[in-house]
């Protein structure tokens, strides 16, 4: 199960994720939340992965779809606090560093948008 809390800080939409990104209906909420905020004109997104315990290839697909939705609207999507286990999956799928920029802290990620 995945829970998502979204908030805004310094003009950046931050999605605090907790649980598993496994490609199921809960995982699709990531892309839906981004699309909802894109419709409001928001262009900067951070996925806070600090509490994501598990990610599989279907979950990686959800993240790619979320990234593509943002890119189509000329928006940016970055990752923060990715655990070692999740990093391994994302690297295996060729998503880090080729697709996603990864930061250690939310503050560093927010600064990277300026």
Protein backbone atom coordinates (compact mmCIF):
# COMPACT_ATOMS: atom_id res chain seq x y z
CA UNK A 1 0.00 0.00 0.00
CA UNK A 2 1.16 3.51 -0.83
CA UNK A 3 0.11 6.73 0.85
CA UNK A 4 0.70 10.16 -0.64
CA UNK A 5 0.59 13.53 1.09
CA UNK A 6 1.13 16.53 -1.16
CA UNK A 7 2.19 19.98 -0.06
CA UNK A 8 3.78 23.05 -1.57
CA UNK A 9 7.01 24.70 -0.49
CA UNK A 10 8.67 27.60 -2.29
CA UNK A 11 6.49 27.07 -5.38
CA UNK A 12 7.45 23.37 -5.56
CA UNK A 13 4.87 20.59 -5.16
CA UNK A 14 6.25 17.92 -2.84
CA UNK A 15 4.70 14.47 -2.77
CA UNK A 16 5.62 12.67 0.45
CA UNK A 17 5.36 8.98 -0.39
CA UNK A 18 5.16 6.15 2.13
CA UNK A 19 4.90 2.41 1.55
CA UNK A 20 5.31 0.48 -1.70
CA UNK A 21 5.22 1.61 -5.32
CA UNK A 22 4.10 -1.58 -7.02
CA UNK A 23 2.10 -0.43 -10.02
CA UNK A 24 -1.27 -1.00 -8.34
CA UNK A 25 -4.13 1.51 -8.00
CA UNK A 26 -2.45 3.26 -5.05
CA UNK A 27 0.68 3.83 -7.16
CA UNK A 28 -1.35 5.48 -9.91
CA UNK A 29 -2.21 8.23 -7.41
CA UNK A 30 1.30 9.62 -8.00
CA UNK A 31 0.56 10.41 -11.64
CA UNK A 32 -2.98 11.56 -10.84
CA UNK A 33 -1.70 14.00 -8.20
CA UNK A 34 0.88 15.39 -10.63
CA UNK A 35 -1.75 15.77 -13.38
CA UNK A 36 -4.09 17.56 -10.96
CA UNK A 37 -1.33 20.03 -10.09
CA UNK A 38 -0.25 20.44 -13.73
CA UNK A 39 -3.81 21.54 -14.46
CA UNK A 40 -3.28 24.28 -11.85
CA UNK A 41 -0.14 25.43 -13.68
CA UNK A 42 2.41 23.95 -11.27
CA UNK A 43 5.73 23.12 -12.98
CA UNK A 44 8.10 21.86 -10.25
CA UNK A 45 7.70 18.50 -8.48
CA UNK A 46 9.60 16.50 -5.90
CA UNK A 47 8.87 12.91 -4.96
CA UNK A 48 10.05 12.47 -1.38
CA UNK A 49 10.98 8.78 -1.34
CA UNK A 50 12.28 8.64 2.25
CA UNK A 51 9.55 6.25 3.42
CA UNK A 52 9.21 4.15 0.25
CA UNK A 53 10.17 0.64 1.35
CA UNK A 54 9.71 -1.16 -1.95
CA UNK A 55 9.55 -0.46 -5.66
CA UNK A 56 9.16 -3.06 -8.41
CA UNK A 57 9.36 -2.72 -12.19
CA UNK A 58 5.64 -1.92 -12.45
CA UNK A 59 6.15 0.85 -9.91
CA UNK A 60 9.09 2.11 -11.95
CA UNK A 61 6.68 2.24 -14.90
CA UNK A 62 4.33 4.43 -12.86
CA UNK A 63 7.22 6.76 -12.10
CA UNK A 64 8.16 6.93 -15.78
CA UNK A 65 4.56 7.77 -16.68
CA UNK A 66 4.54 10.50 -14.02
CA UNK A 67 7.80 11.88 -15.39
CA UNK A 68 6.40 11.84 -18.94
CA UNK A 69 3.23 13.66 -17.83
CA UNK A 70 5.37 16.39 -16.28
CA UNK A 71 7.70 16.67 -19.29
CA UNK A 72 4.77 17.00 -21.71
CA UNK A 73 3.76 20.13 -19.80
CA UNK A 74 7.35 21.45 -19.63
CA UNK A 75 7.52 20.64 -15.91
CA UNK A 76 10.28 19.00 -13.86
CA UNK A 77 10.13 16.00 -11.54
CA UNK A 78 12.97 15.19 -9.14
CA UNK A 79 13.53 12.60 -6.42
CA UNK A 80 14.64 13.08 -2.81
CA UNK A 81 15.85 10.70 -0.11
CA UNK A 82 15.78 7.53 -2.20
CA UNK A 83 16.56 4.46 -0.10
CA UNK A 84 19.34 2.09 -1.13
CA UNK A 85 16.87 -0.68 -2.00
CA UNK A 86 14.80 1.62 -4.27
CA UNK A 87 17.95 3.13 -5.80
CA UNK A 88 19.05 -0.35 -6.84
CA UNK A 89 15.79 -0.95 -8.72
CA UNK A 90 15.84 2.48 -10.37
CA UNK A 91 19.46 2.02 -11.48
CA UNK A 92 18.69 -1.46 -12.82
CA UNK A 93 15.82 0.03 -14.85
CA UNK A 94 18.17 2.73 -16.18
CA UNK A 95 16.27 5.57 -14.50
CA UNK A 96 19.04 6.91 -12.24
CA UNK A 97 20.83 9.07 -13.28
CA UNK A 98 19.62 8.95 -16.90
CA UNK A 99 16.04 10.10 -16.23
CA UNK A 100 15.65 11.24 -12.64
CA UNK A 101 17.77 13.76 -10.76
CA UNK A 102 18.22 12.60 -7.16
CA UNK A 103 18.90 14.82 -4.14
CA UNK A 104 19.69 14.05 -0.52
CA UNK A 105 17.44 16.75 0.94
CA UNK A 106 14.25 18.56 0.02
CA UNK A 107 16.08 21.87 0.47
CA UNK A 108 18.74 20.90 -2.10
CA UNK A 109 16.08 19.75 -4.55
CA UNK A 110 14.09 22.98 -4.16
CA UNK A 111 17.25 25.05 -4.77
CA UNK A 112 17.91 23.05 -7.96
CA UNK A 113 14.77 24.48 -9.57
CA UNK A 114 16.13 28.06 -9.49
